[in-house]
Amino acid sequence: MMSWIAVFLLAFPGVASAETEQEFSLCSAYVEKAVAGEQTDLGWPVFVKLTGIGTKSLGAFTEANTGKMIRIVVGDREFSRSTIWVPIPSGDLHGTFSSKEVATDWQRTLAGQLPAALCGAGT
């Protein structure tokens, strides 16, 4: 049995070295404002301004995860996913979506009642 595991790991080295994407959860204490923007060539944007505590937490999170793929989530929904090349100290986020309806839904979700739990960094 052990030899099969070794063969599997040698045949698929990405499995052995795969790193789990880090997640940053948005919650009501972290989101100050969310606004849906006008359509661009990339889709329909939603801009998010974080509170002071959310900005500080996101800055520390992105600094610790520079060079890695991260996910910004609300509950089990993914708002944004990207590789962090430099820390984000501004507290400004945005996501781009395929339709106005999806962007508007995200804007309403982020401007409404977000979960109080699951704030900030997690996996």
PDB file of N, CA and C in Angstrom:
ATOM      1  N   MET A   1       0.825  -1.190   0.000  1.00  0.00           N
ATOM      2  CA  MET A   1       0.000   0.000   0.000  1.00  0.00           C
ATOM      3  C   MET A   1       0.871   1.255   0.000  1.00  0.00           C
ATOM      4  N   MET A   2       1.912   1.288   0.821  1.00  0.00           N
ATOM      5  CA  MET A   2       2.790   2.453   0.908  1.00  0.00           C
ATOM      6  C   MET A   2       3.482   2.718  -0.422  1.00  0.00           C
ATOM      7  N   SER A   3       3.835   1.643  -1.154  1.00  0.00           N
ATOM      8  CA  SER A   3       4.507   1.849  -2.437  1.00  0.00           C
ATOM      9  C   SER A   3       3.582   2.517  -3.443  1.00  0.00           C
ATOM     10  N   TRP A   4       2.292   2.238  -3.373  1.00  0.00           N
ATOM     11  CA  TRP A   4       1.334   2.889  -4.268  1.00  0.00           C
ATOM     12  C   TRP A   4       1.221   4.379  -3.962  1.00  0.00           C
ATOM     13  N   ILE A   5       1.269   4.733  -2.696  1.00  0.00           N
ATOM     14  CA  ILE A   5       1.219   6.149  -2.319  1.00  0.00           C
ATOM     15  C   ILE A   5       2.449   6.863  -2.856  1.00  0.00           C
ATOM     16  N   ALA A   6       3.616   6.240  -2.715  1.00  0.00           N
ATOM     17  CA  ALA A   6       4.850   6.839  -3.212  1.00  0.00           C
ATOM     18  C   ALA A   6       4.804   7.010  -4.726  1.00  0.00           C
ATOM     19  N   VAL A   7       4.309   6.003  -5.443  1.00  0.00           N
ATOM     20  CA  VAL A   7       4.197   6.078  -6.904  1.00  0.00           C
ATOM     21  C   VAL A   7       3.228   7.203  -7.285  1.00  0.00           C
ATOM     22  N   PHE A   8       2.116   7.300  -6.577  1.00  0.00           N
ATOM     23  CA  PHE A   8       1.136   8.348  -6.854  1.00  0.00           C
ATOM     24  C   PHE A   8       1.748   9.733  -6.652  1.00  0.00           C
ATOM     25  N   LEU A   9       2.471   9.934  -5.562  1.00  0.00           N
ATOM     26  CA  LEU A   9       3.076  11.234  -5.281  1.00  0.00           C
ATOM     27  C   LEU A   9       4.188  11.569  -6.259  1.00  0.00           C
ATOM     28  N   LEU A  10       4.930  10.570  -6.717  1.00  0.00           N
ATOM     29  CA  LEU A  10       5.971  10.822  -7.704  1.00  0.00           C
ATOM     30  C   LEU A  10       5.379  11.112  -9.086  1.00  0.00           C
ATOM     31  N   ALA A  11       4.280  10.439  -9.405  1.00  0.00           N
ATOM     32  CA  ALA A  11       3.652  10.629 -10.704  1.00  0.00           C
ATOM     33  C   ALA A  11       2.909  11.966 -10.782  1.00  0.00           C
ATOM     34  N   PHE A  12       2.432  12.439  -9.653  1.00  0.00           N
ATOM     35  CA  PHE A  12       1.673  13.692  -9.599  1.00  0.00           C
ATOM     36  C   PHE A  12       2.255  14.598  -8.517  1.00  0.00           C
ATOM     37  N   PRO A  13       3.411  15.208  -8.774  1.00  0.00           N
ATOM     38  CA  PRO A  13       4.072  16.002  -7.739  1.00  0.00           C
ATOM     39  C   PRO A  13       3.254  17.193  -7.268  1.00  0.00           C
ATOM     40  N   GLY A  14       2.357  17.702  -8.075  1.00  0.00           N
ATOM     41  CA  GLY A  14       1.526  18.828  -7.651  1.00  0.00           C
ATOM     42  C   GLY A  14       0.632  18.471  -6.480  1.00  0.00           C
ATOM     43  N   VAL A  15       0.254  17.212  -6.380  1.00  0.00           N
ATOM     44  CA  VAL A  15      -0.596  16.774  -5.278  1.00  0.00           C
ATOM     45  C   VAL A  15       0.157  16.894  -3.959  1.00  0.00           C
ATOM     46  N   ALA A  16       1.407  16.536  -3.954  1.00  0.00           N
ATOM     47  CA  ALA A  16       2.188  16.575  -2.724  1.00  0.00           C
ATOM     48  C   ALA A  16       2.531  17.995  -2.315  1.00  0.00           C
ATOM     49  N   SER A  17       2.720  18.895  -3.288  1.00  0.00           N
ATOM     50  CA  SER A  17       3.153  20.236  -2.948  1.00  0.00           C
ATOM     51  C   SER A  17       2.044  21.276  -3.063  1.00  0.00           C
ATOM     52  N   ALA A  18       0.838  20.860  -3.373  1.00  0.00           N
ATOM     53  CA  ALA A  18      -0.254  21.814  -3.527  1.00  0.00           C
ATOM     54  C   ALA A  18      -0.511  22.543  -2.218  1.00  0.00           C
ATOM     55  N   GLU A  19      -0.644  23.857  -2.342  1.00  0.00           N
ATOM     56  CA  GLU A  19      -0.908  24.670  -1.169  1.00  0.00           C
ATOM     57  C   GLU A  19      -2.363  25.119  -1.208  1.00  0.00           C
ATOM     58  N   THR A  20      -3.024  25.031  -0.086  1.00  0.00           N
ATOM     59  CA  THR A  20      -4.410  25.455  -0.008  1.00  0.00           C
ATOM     60  C   THR A  20      -4.482  26.965  -0.134  1.00  0.00           C
ATOM     61  N   GLU A  21      -5.418  27.452  -0.936  1.00  0.00           N
ATOM     62  CA  GLU A  21      -5.616  28.889  -1.063  1.00  0.00           C
ATOM     63  C   GLU A  21      -6.114  29.438   0.270  1.00  0.00           C
ATOM     64  N   GLN A  22      -5.568  30.560   0.651  1.00  0.00           N
ATOM     65  CA  GLN A  22      -5.976  31.211   1.880  1.00  0.00           C
ATOM     66  C   GLN A  22      -7.252  31.999   1.624  1.00  0.00           C
ATOM     67  N   GLU A  23      -8.124  32.066   2.634  1.00  0.00           N
ATOM     68  CA  GLU A  23      -9.387  32.781   2.508  1.00  0.00           C
ATOM     69  C   GLU A  23      -9.442  33.948   3.475  1.00  0.00           C
ATOM     70  N   PHE A  24     -10.060  35.015   3.021  1.00  0.00           N
ATOM     71  CA  PHE A  24     -10.344  36.185   3.853  1.00  0.00           C
ATOM     72  C   PHE A  24     -11.847  36.393   3.807  1.00  0.00           C
ATOM     73  N   SER A  25     -12.502  36.279   4.961  1.00  0.00           N
ATOM     74  CA  SER A  25     -13.961  36.377   5.030  1.00  0.00           C
ATOM     75  C   SER A  25     -14.408  37.791   5.354  1.00  0.00           C
ATOM     76  N   LEU A  26     -15.344  38.280   4.560  1.00  0.00           N
ATOM     77  CA  LEU A  26     -15.953  39.576   4.830  1.00  0.00           C
ATOM     78  C   LEU A  26     -17.135  39.386   5.768  1.00  0.00           C
ATOM     79  N   CYS A  27     -17.291  40.308   6.711  1.00  0.00           N
ATOM     80  CA  CYS A  27     -18.390  40.266   7.663  1.00  0.00           C
ATOM     81  C   CYS A  27     -18.882  41.686   7.892  1.00  0.00           C
ATOM     82  N   SER A  28     -19.952  41.830   8.653  1.00  0.00           N
ATOM     83  CA  SER A  28     -20.556  43.148   8.848  1.00  0.00           C
ATOM     84  C   SER A  28     -19.595  44.138   9.509  1.00  0.00           C
ATOM     85  N   ALA A  29     -18.714  43.692  10.373  1.00  0.00           N
ATOM     86  CA  ALA A  29     -17.761  44.595  11.026  1.00  0.00           C
ATOM     87  C   ALA A  29     -16.665  45.073  10.081  1.00  0.00           C
ATOM     88  N   TYR A  30     -16.512  44.437   8.944  1.00  0.00           N
ATOM     89  CA  TYR A  30     -15.432  44.762   8.011  1.00  0.00           C
ATOM     90  C   TYR A  30     -15.873  45.592   6.804  1.00  0.00           C
ATOM     91  N   VAL A  31     -17.165  45.566   6.449  1.00  0.00           N
ATOM     92  CA  VAL A  31     -17.636  46.237   5.236  1.00  0.00           C
ATOM     93  C   VAL A  31     -18.314  47.553   5.600  1.00  0.00           C
ATOM     94  N   GLU A  32     -17.746  48.644   5.091  1.00  0.00           N
ATOM     95  CA  GLU A  32     -18.336  49.973   5.303  1.00  0.00           C
ATOM     96  C   GLU A  32     -19.354  50.289   4.217  1.00  0.00           C
ATOM     97  N   LYS A  33     -18.993  49.985   2.954  1.00  0.00           N
ATOM     98  CA  LYS A  33     -19.851  50.354   1.830  1.00  0.00           C
ATOM     99  C   LYS A  33     -19.563  49.436   0.653  1.00  0.00           C
ATOM    100  N   ALA A  34     -20.606  49.159  -0.141  1.00  0.00           N
ATOM    101  CA  ALA A  34     -20.461  48.397  -1.386  1.00  0.00           C
ATOM    102  C   ALA A  34     -21.290  49.080  -2.457  1.00  0.00           C
ATOM    103  N   VAL A  35     -20.685  49.247  -3.636  1.00  0.00           N
ATOM    104  CA  VAL A  35     -21.343  49.942  -4.738  1.00  0.00           C
ATOM    105  C   VAL A  35     -21.136  49.145  -6.029  1.00  0.00           C
ATOM    106  N   ALA A  36     -22.229  48.931  -6.774  1.00  0.00           N
ATOM    107  CA  ALA A  36     -22.125  48.299  -8.087  1.00  0.00           C
ATOM    108  C   ALA A  36     -21.811  49.388  -9.105  1.00  0.00           C
ATOM    109  N   GLY A  37     -20.846  49.112  -9.982  1.00  0.00           N
ATOM    110  CA  GLY A  37     -20.432  50.091 -10.987  1.00  0.00           C
ATOM    111  C   GLY A  37     -21.032  49.807 -12.349  1.00  0.00           C
ATOM    112  N   GLU A  38     -20.668  50.653 -13.289  1.00  0.00           N
ATOM    113  CA  GLU A  38     -21.113  50.499 -14.675  1.00  0.00           C
ATOM    114  C   GLU A  38     -20.293  49.426 -15.383  1.00  0.00           C
ATOM    115  N   GLN A  39     -20.877  48.806 -16.372  1.00  0.00           N
ATOM    116  CA  GLN A  39     -20.229  47.733 -17.121  1.00  0.00           C
ATOM    117  C   GLN A  39     -18.925  48.218 -17.753  1.00  0.00           C
ATOM    118  N   THR A  40     -17.920  47.354 -17.699  1.00  0.00           N
ATOM    119  CA  THR A  40     -16.635  47.590 -18.345  1.00  0.00           C
ATOM    120  C   THR A  40     -16.392  46.465 -19.347  1.00  0.00           C
ATOM    121  N   ASP A  41     -15.241  46.492 -20.010  1.00  0.00           N
ATOM    122  CA  ASP A  41     -14.886  45.409 -20.932  1.00  0.00           C
ATOM    123  C   ASP A  41     -14.746  44.072 -20.207  1.00  0.00           C
ATOM    124  N   LEU A  42     -14.470  44.106 -18.904  1.00  0.00           N
ATOM    125  CA  LEU A  42     -14.272  42.886 -18.126  1.00  0.00           C
ATOM    126  C   LEU A  42     -15.549  42.367 -17.486  1.00  0.00           C
ATOM    127  N   GLY A  43     -16.587  43.177 -17.427  1.00  0.00           N
ATOM    128  CA  GLY A  43     -17.843  42.763 -16.808  1.00  0.00           C
ATOM    129  C   GLY A  43     -18.414  43.863 -15.931  1.00  0.00           C
ATOM    130  N   TRP A  44     -19.213  43.462 -14.958  1.00  0.00           N
ATOM    131  CA  TRP A  44     -19.888  44.385 -14.049  1.00  0.00           C
ATOM    132  C   TRP A  44     -19.154  44.404 -12.706  1.00  0.00           C
ATOM    133  N   PRO A  45     -18.564  45.541 -12.324  1.00  0.00           N
ATOM    134  CA  PRO A  45     -17.784  45.594 -11.078  1.00  0.00           C
ATOM    135  C   PRO A  45     -18.628  45.912  -9.850  1.00  0.00           C
ATOM    136  N   VAL A  46     -18.144  45.444  -8.716  1.00  0.00           N
ATOM    137  CA  VAL A  46     -18.669  45.829  -7.409  1.00  0.00           C
ATOM    138  C   VAL A  46     -17.468  46.290  -6.593  1.00  0.00           C
ATOM    139  N   PHE A  47     -17.557  47.516  -6.078  1.00  0.00           N
ATOM    140  CA  PHE A  47     -16.481  48.109  -5.296  1.00  0.00           C
ATOM    141  C   PHE A  47     -16.851  48.058  -3.819  1.00  0.00           C
ATOM    142  N   VAL A  48     -15.897  47.652  -2.999  1.00  0.00           N
ATOM    143  CA  VAL A  48     -16.126  47.507  -1.565  1.00  0.00           C
ATOM    144  C   VAL A  48     -15.112  48.355  -0.812  1.00  0.00           C
ATOM    145  N   LYS A  49     -15.603  49.168   0.124  1.00  0.00           N
ATOM    146  CA  LYS A  49     -14.745  49.939   1.025  1.00  0.00           C
ATOM    147  C   LYS A  49     -14.854  49.296   2.399  1.00  0.00           C
ATOM    148  N   LEU A  50     -13.703  48.908   2.951  1.00  0.00           N
ATOM    149  CA  LEU A  50     -13.695  48.260   4.258  1.00  0.00           C
ATOM    150  C   LEU A  50     -13.626  49.298   5.379  1.00  0.00           C
ATOM    151  N   THR A  51     -14.069  48.900   6.552  1.00  0.00           N
ATOM    152  CA  THR A  51     -13.955  49.724   7.752  1.00  0.00           C
ATOM    153  C   THR A  51     -12.492  49.773   8.178  1.00  0.00           C
ATOM    154  N   GLY A  52     -12.185  50.575   9.178  1.00  0.00           N
ATOM    155  CA  GLY A  52     -10.812  50.654   9.685  1.00  0.00           C
ATOM    156  C   GLY A  52     -10.278  49.311  10.134  1.00  0.00           C
ATOM    157  N   ILE A  53     -11.058  48.571  10.897  1.00  0.00           N
ATOM    158  CA  ILE A  53     -10.606  47.250  11.386  1.00  0.00           C
ATOM    159  C   ILE A  53     -10.490  46.260  10.229  1.00  0.00           C
ATOM    160  N   GLY A  54     -11.407  46.338   9.260  1.00  0.00           N
ATOM    161  CA  GLY A  54     -11.329  45.468   8.088  1.00  0.00           C
ATOM    162  C   GLY A  54     -10.105  45.783   7.239  1.00  0.00           C
ATOM    163  N   THR A  55      -9.807  47.076   7.091  1.00  0.00           N
ATOM    164  CA  THR A  55      -8.635  47.506   6.322  1.00  0.00           C
ATOM    165  C   THR A  55      -7.351  46.999   6.969  1.00  0.00           C
ATOM    166  N   LYS A  56      -7.254  47.133   8.280  1.00  0.00           N
ATOM    167  CA  LYS A  56      -6.060  46.673   9.006  1.00  0.00           C
ATOM    168  C   LYS A  56      -5.896  45.154   8.873  1.00  0.00           C
ATOM    169  N   SER A  57      -6.987  44.428   9.011  1.00  0.00           N
ATOM    170  CA  SER A  57      -6.941  42.970   8.917  1.00  0.00           C
ATOM    171  C   SER A  57      -6.575  42.519   7.503  1.00  0.00           C
ATOM    172  N   LEU A  58      -7.182  43.143   6.485  1.00  0.00           N
ATOM    173  CA  LEU A  58      -6.863  42.789   5.099  1.00  0.00           C
ATOM    174  C   LEU A  58      -5.409  43.117   4.782  1.00  0.00           C
ATOM    175  N   GLY A  59      -4.910  44.256   5.255  1.00  0.00           N
ATOM    176  CA  GLY A  59      -3.515  44.626   5.018  1.00  0.00           C
ATOM    177  C   GLY A  59      -2.553  43.591   5.577  1.00  0.00           C
ATOM    178  N   ALA A  60      -2.803  43.156   6.815  1.00  0.00           N
ATOM    179  CA  ALA A  60      -1.944  42.142   7.436  1.00  0.00           C
ATOM    180  C   ALA A  60      -2.058  40.809   6.704  1.00  0.00           C
ATOM    181  N   PHE A  61      -3.280  40.453   6.307  1.00  0.00           N
ATOM    182  CA  PHE A  61      -3.515  39.199   5.589  1.00  0.00           C
ATOM    183  C   PHE A  61      -2.791  39.188   4.250  1.00  0.00           C
ATOM    184  N   THR A  62      -2.916  40.264   3.481  1.00  0.00           N
ATOM    185  CA  THR A  62      -2.276  40.301   2.161  1.00  0.00           C
ATOM    186  C   THR A  62      -0.759  40.397   2.279  1.00  0.00           C
ATOM    187  N   GLU A  63      -0.271  41.049   3.320  1.00  0.00           N
ATOM    188  CA  GLU A  63       1.178  41.094   3.531  1.00  0.00           C
ATOM    189  C   GLU A  63       1.722  39.698   3.827  1.00  0.00           C
ATOM    190  N   ALA A  64       0.991  38.938   4.620  1.00  0.00           N
ATOM    191  CA  ALA A  64       1.419  37.583   4.974  1.00  0.00           C
ATOM    192  C   ALA A  64       1.278  36.610   3.802  1.00  0.00           C
ATOM    193  N   ASN A  65       0.476  36.959   2.810  1.00  0.00           N
ATOM    194  CA  ASN A  65       0.209  36.041   1.697  1.00  0.00           C
ATOM    195  C   ASN A  65       0.674  36.570   0.349  1.00  0.00           C
ATOM    196  N   THR A  66       1.629  37.490   0.347  1.00  0.00           N
ATOM    197  CA  THR A  66       2.165  38.022  -0.903  1.00  0.00           C
ATOM    198  C   THR A  66       2.745  36.885  -1.744  1.00  0.00           C
ATOM    199  N   GLY A  67       2.395  36.878  -3.023  1.00  0.00           N
ATOM    200  CA  GLY A  67       2.854  35.842  -3.938  1.00  0.00           C
ATOM    201  C   GLY A  67       1.962  34.619  -3.972  1.00  0.00           C
ATOM    202  N   LYS A  68       0.883  34.633  -3.202  1.00  0.00           N
ATOM    203  CA  LYS A  68      -0.017  33.478  -3.130  1.00  0.00           C
ATOM    204  C   LYS A  68      -1.395  33.829  -3.680  1.00  0.00           C
ATOM    205  N   MET A  69      -2.109  32.801  -4.094  1.00  0.00           N
ATOM    206  CA  MET A  69      -3.497  32.943  -4.519  1.00  0.00           C
ATOM    207  C   MET A  69      -4.359  33.015  -3.261  1.00  0.00           C
ATOM    208  N   ILE A  70      -5.253  34.012  -3.217  1.00  0.00           N
ATOM    209  CA  ILE A  70      -6.177  34.126  -2.090  1.00  0.00           C
ATOM    210  C   ILE A  70      -7.602  34.229  -2.609  1.00  0.00           C
ATOM    211  N   ARG A  71      -8.533  33.991  -1.712  1.00  0.00           N
ATOM    212  CA  ARG A  71      -9.957  34.125  -2.012  1.00  0.00           C
ATOM    213  C   ARG A  71     -10.579  35.074  -1.002  1.00  0.00           C
ATOM    214  N   ILE A  72     -11.437  35.985  -1.489  1.00  0.00           N
ATOM    215  CA  ILE A  72     -12.243  36.834  -0.625  1.00  0.00           C
ATOM    216  C   ILE A  72     -13.640  36.219  -0.650  1.00  0.00           C
ATOM    217  N   VAL A  73     -14.170  35.868   0.513  1.00  0.00           N
ATOM    218  CA  VAL A  73     -15.433  35.141   0.573  1.00  0.00           C
ATOM    219  C   VAL A  73     -16.417  35.793   1.535  1.00  0.00           C
ATOM    220  N   VAL A  74     -17.686  35.482   1.308  1.00  0.00           N
ATOM    221  CA  VAL A  74     -18.768  35.801   2.236  1.00  0.00           C
ATOM    222  C   VAL A  74     -19.483  34.484   2.464  1.00  0.00           C
ATOM    223  N   GLY A  75     -19.351  33.955   3.664  1.00  0.00           N
ATOM    224  CA  GLY A  75     -19.901  32.628   3.933  1.00  0.00           C
ATOM    225  C   GLY A  75     -19.219  31.619   3.039  1.00  0.00           C
ATOM    226  N   ASP A  76     -19.993  30.909   2.229  1.00  0.00           N
ATOM    227  CA  ASP A  76     -19.410  29.925   1.310  1.00  0.00           C
ATOM    228  C   ASP A  76     -19.387  30.433  -0.134  1.00  0.00           C
ATOM    229  N   ARG A  77     -19.643  31.731  -0.338  1.00  0.00           N
ATOM    230  CA  ARG A  77     -19.636  32.329  -1.690  1.00  0.00           C
ATOM    231  C   ARG A  77     -18.334  33.086  -1.935  1.00  0.00           C
ATOM    232  N   GLU A  78     -17.755  32.876  -3.094  1.00  0.00           N
ATOM    233  CA  GLU A  78     -16.506  33.549  -3.467  1.00  0.00           C
ATOM    234  C   GLU A  78     -16.806  34.884  -4.139  1.00  0.00           C
ATOM    235  N   PHE A  79     -16.341  35.970  -3.522  1.00  0.00           N
ATOM    236  CA  PHE A  79     -16.490  37.304  -4.097  1.00  0.00           C
ATOM    237  C   PHE A  79     -15.367  37.589  -5.087  1.00  0.00           C
ATOM    238  N   SER A  80     -14.153  37.216  -4.720  1.00  0.00           N
ATOM    239  CA  SER A  80     -12.994  37.519  -5.552  1.00  0.00           C
ATOM    240  C   SER A  80     -11.902  36.491  -5.293  1.00  0.00           C
ATOM    241  N   ARG A  81     -11.067  36.296  -6.317  1.00  0.00           N
ATOM    242  CA  ARG A  81      -9.937  35.367  -6.197  1.00  0.00           C
ATOM    243  C   ARG A  81      -8.797  35.941  -7.030  1.00  0.00           C
ATOM    244  N   SER A  82      -7.624  36.054  -6.432  1.00  0.00           N
ATOM    245  CA  SER A  82      -6.485  36.583  -7.175  1.00  0.00           C
ATOM    246  C   SER A  82      -5.180  36.259  -6.470  1.00  0.00           C
ATOM    247  N   THR A  83      -4.109  36.404  -7.223  1.00  0.00           N
ATOM    248  CA  THR A  83      -2.774  36.277  -6.644  1.00  0.00           C
ATOM    249  C   THR A  83      -2.383  37.651  -6.112  1.00  0.00           C
ATOM    250  N   ILE A  84      -1.895  37.673  -4.897  1.00  0.00           N
ATOM    251  CA  ILE A  84      -1.494  38.928  -4.251  1.00  0.00           C
ATOM    252  C   ILE A  84      -0.022  39.181  -4.557  1.00  0.00           C
ATOM    253  N   TRP A  85       0.257  40.269  -5.281  1.00  0.00           N
ATOM    254  CA  TRP A  85       1.640  40.620  -5.618  1.00  0.00           C
ATOM    255  C   TRP A  85       2.203  41.658  -4.663  1.00  0.00           C
ATOM    256  N   VAL A  86       1.341  42.494  -4.102  1.00  0.00           N
ATOM    257  CA  VAL A  86       1.745  43.484  -3.098  1.00  0.00           C
ATOM    258  C   VAL A  86       0.640  43.549  -2.050  1.00  0.00           C
ATOM    259  N   PRO A  87       0.976  43.901  -0.820  1.00  0.00           N
ATOM    260  CA  PRO A  87      -0.061  44.038   0.211  1.00  0.00           C
ATOM    261  C   PRO A  87      -1.106  45.090  -0.184  1.00  0.00           C
ATOM    262  N   ILE A  88      -2.310  44.946   0.347  1.00  0.00           N
ATOM    263  CA  ILE A  88      -3.403  45.882   0.069  1.00  0.00           C
ATOM    264  C   ILE A  88      -3.710  46.657   1.354  1.00  0.00           C
ATOM    265  N   PRO A  89      -3.059  47.809   1.560  1.00  0.00           N
ATOM    266  CA  PRO A  89      -3.278  48.564   2.791  1.00  0.00           C
ATOM    267  C   PRO A  89      -4.460  49.533   2.716  1.00  0.00           C
ATOM    268  N   SER A  90      -5.081  49.694   1.542  1.00  0.00           N
ATOM    269  CA  SER A  90      -6.116  50.712   1.348  1.00  0.00           C
ATOM    270  C   SER A  90      -7.496  50.327   1.858  1.00  0.00           C
ATOM    271  N   GLY A  91      -7.782  49.042   1.943  1.00  0.00           N
ATOM    272  CA  GLY A  91      -9.123  48.607   2.330  1.00  0.00           C
ATOM    273  C   GLY A  91     -10.129  48.700   1.201  1.00  0.00           C
ATOM    274  N   ASP A  92      -9.648  48.844  -0.025  1.00  0.00           N
ATOM    275  CA  ASP A  92     -10.520  48.905  -1.200  1.00  0.00           C
ATOM    276  C   ASP A  92     -10.424  47.586  -1.962  1.00  0.00           C
ATOM    277  N   LEU A  93     -11.573  46.963  -2.189  1.00  0.00           N
ATOM    278  CA  LEU A  93     -11.650  45.706  -2.938  1.00  0.00           C
ATOM    279  C   LEU A  93     -12.605  45.883  -4.102  1.00  0.00           C
ATOM    280  N   HIS A  94     -12.463  45.016  -5.081  1.00  0.00           N
ATOM    281  CA  HIS A  94     -13.487  44.969  -6.125  1.00  0.00           C
ATOM    282  C   HIS A  94     -13.537  43.569  -6.715  1.00  0.00           C
ATOM    283  N   GLY A  95     -14.725  43.235  -7.174  1.00  0.00           N
ATOM    284  CA  GLY A  95     -14.950  41.988  -7.875  1.00  0.00           C
ATOM    285  C   GLY A  95     -15.641  42.326  -9.181  1.00  0.00           C
ATOM    286  N   THR A  96     -15.454  41.520 -10.197  1.00  0.00           N
ATOM    287  CA  THR A  96     -16.084  41.744 -11.489  1.00  0.00           C
ATOM    288  C   THR A  96     -16.919  40.516 -11.837  1.00  0.00           C
ATOM    289  N   PHE A  97     -18.140  40.777 -12.299  1.00  0.00           N
ATOM    290  CA  PHE A  97     -19.094  39.698 -12.512  1.00  0.00           C
ATOM    291  C   PHE A  97     -19.660  39.721 -13.929  1.00  0.00           C
ATOM    292  N   SER A  98     -20.239  38.605 -14.337  1.00  0.00           N
ATOM    293  CA  SER A  98     -20.663  38.412 -15.720  1.00  0.00           C
ATOM    294  C   SER A  98     -21.936  39.151 -16.099  1.00  0.00           C
ATOM    295  N   SER A  99     -22.730  39.548 -15.122  1.00  0.00           N
ATOM    296  CA  SER A  99     -23.986  40.233 -15.454  1.00  0.00           C
ATOM    297  C   SER A  99     -24.298  41.306 -14.418  1.00  0.00           C
ATOM    298  N   LYS A 100     -25.158  42.222 -14.819  1.00  0.00           N
ATOM    299  CA  LYS A 100     -25.591  43.287 -13.909  1.00  0.00           C
ATOM    300  C   LYS A 100     -26.354  42.685 -12.730  1.00  0.00           C
ATOM    301  N   GLU A 101     -27.139  41.647 -12.981  1.00  0.00           N
ATOM    302  CA  GLU A 101     -27.926  41.014 -11.929  1.00  0.00           C
ATOM    303  C   GLU A 101     -27.032  40.409 -10.853  1.00  0.00           C
ATOM    304  N   VAL A 102     -25.966  39.733 -11.279  1.00  0.00           N
ATOM    305  CA  VAL A 102     -25.050  39.124 -10.314  1.00  0.00           C
ATOM    306  C   VAL A 102     -24.327  40.209  -9.521  1.00  0.00           C
ATOM    307  N   ALA A 103     -23.886  41.268 -10.197  1.00  0.00           N
ATOM    308  CA  ALA A 103     -23.203  42.375  -9.512  1.00  0.00           C
ATOM    309  C   ALA A 103     -24.143  43.048  -8.518  1.00  0.00           C
ATOM    310  N   THR A 104     -25.389  43.269  -8.922  1.00  0.00           N
ATOM    311  CA  THR A 104     -26.367  43.895  -8.030  1.00  0.00           C
ATOM    312  C   THR A 104     -26.650  43.009  -6.829  1.00  0.00           C
ATOM    313  N   ASP A 105     -26.730  41.705  -7.047  1.00  0.00           N
ATOM    314  CA  ASP A 105     -26.933  40.762  -5.940  1.00  0.00           C
ATOM    315  C   ASP A 105     -25.775  40.857  -4.937  1.00  0.00           C
ATOM    316  N   TRP A 106     -24.536  40.913  -5.448  1.00  0.00           N
ATOM    317  CA  TRP A 106     -23.378  41.042  -4.565  1.00  0.00           C
ATOM    318  C   TRP A 106     -23.405  42.369  -3.810  1.00  0.00           C
ATOM    319  N   GLN A 107     -23.751  43.445  -4.505  1.00  0.00           N
ATOM    320  CA  GLN A 107     -23.812  44.754  -3.853  1.00  0.00           C
ATOM    321  C   GLN A 107     -24.824  44.720  -2.714  1.00  0.00           C
ATOM    322  N   ARG A 108     -25.987  44.144  -2.952  1.00  0.00           N
ATOM    323  CA  ARG A 108     -27.023  44.036  -1.910  1.00  0.00           C
ATOM    324  C   ARG A 108     -26.546  43.158  -0.754  1.00  0.00           C
ATOM    325  N   THR A 109     -25.901  42.051  -1.084  1.00  0.00           N
ATOM    326  CA  THR A 109     -25.388  41.157  -0.040  1.00  0.00           C
ATOM    327  C   THR A 109     -24.374  41.879   0.834  1.00  0.00           C
ATOM    328  N   LEU A 110     -23.445  42.573   0.201  1.00  0.00           N
ATOM    329  CA  LEU A 110     -22.384  43.246   0.952  1.00  0.00           C
ATOM    330  C   LEU A 110     -22.888  44.462   1.713  1.00  0.00           C
ATOM    331  N   ALA A 111     -23.924  45.117   1.224  1.00  0.00           N
ATOM    332  CA  ALA A 111     -24.477  46.286   1.904  1.00  0.00           C
ATOM    333  C   ALA A 111     -25.491  45.889   2.972  1.00  0.00           C
ATOM    334  N   GLY A 112     -25.928  44.629   2.943  1.00  0.00           N
ATOM    335  CA  GLY A 112     -26.942  44.158   3.884  1.00  0.00           C
ATOM    336  C   GLY A 112     -26.320  43.524   5.115  1.00  0.00           C
ATOM    337  N   GLN A 113     -27.049  42.618   5.684  1.00  0.00           N
ATOM    338  CA  GLN A 113     -26.601  41.922   6.890  1.00  0.00           C
ATOM    339  C   GLN A 113     -25.646  40.791   6.518  1.00  0.00           C
ATOM    340  N   LEU A 114     -24.395  40.978   6.854  1.00  0.00           N
ATOM    341  CA  LEU A 114     -23.395  39.935   6.637  1.00  0.00           C
ATOM    342  C   LEU A 114     -23.246  39.134   7.917  1.00  0.00           C
ATOM    343  N   PRO A 115     -22.726  37.929   7.813  1.00  0.00           N
ATOM    344  CA  PRO A 115     -22.516  37.138   9.018  1.00  0.00           C
ATOM    345  C   PRO A 115     -21.571  37.867   9.985  1.00  0.00           C
ATOM    346  N   ALA A 116     -21.877  37.816  11.260  1.00  0.00           N
ATOM    347  CA  ALA A 116     -21.006  38.443  12.259  1.00  0.00           C
ATOM    348  C   ALA A 116     -19.781  37.583  12.510  1.00  0.00           C
ATOM    349  N   ALA A 117     -19.929  36.281  12.330  1.00  0.00           N
ATOM    350  CA  ALA A 117     -18.803  35.355  12.529  1.00  0.00           C
ATOM    351  C   ALA A 117     -17.989  35.254  11.252  1.00  0.00           C
ATOM    352  N   LEU A 118     -16.920  34.552  11.312  1.00  0.00           N
ATOM    353  CA  LEU A 118     -16.054  34.319  10.175  1.00  0.00           C
ATOM    354  C   LEU A 118     -15.496  35.617   9.578  1.00  0.00           C
ATOM    355  N   CYS A 119     -14.925  36.443  10.413  1.00  0.00           N
ATOM    356  CA  CYS A 119     -14.279  37.677   9.941  1.00  0.00           C
ATOM    357  C   CYS A 119     -12.788  37.424   9.723  1.00  0.00           C
ATOM    358  N   GLY A 120     -12.281  37.902   8.600  1.00  0.00           N
ATOM    359  CA  GLY A 120     -10.836  37.899   8.382  1.00  0.00           C
ATOM    360  C   GLY A 120     -10.280  36.597   7.882  1.00  0.00           C
ATOM    361  N   ALA A 121      -9.044  36.352   8.285  1.00  0.00           N
ATOM    362  CA  ALA A 121      -8.279  35.218   7.773  1.00  0.00           C
ATOM    363  C   ALA A 121      -8.788  33.888   8.287  1.00  0.00           C
ATOM    364  N   GLY A 122      -8.720  32.920   7.411  1.00  0.00           N
ATOM    365  CA  GLY A 122      -9.084  31.541   7.727  1.00  0.00           C
ATOM    366  C   GLY A 122      -8.678  30.668   6.578  1.00  0.00           C
ATOM    367  N   THR A 123      -8.882  29.378   6.668  1.00  0.00           N
ATOM    368  CA  THR A 123      -8.569  28.484   5.562  1.00  0.00           C
ATOM    369  C   THR A 123      -9.767  27.691   5.162  1.00  0.00           C
TER     370      THR A 123
END
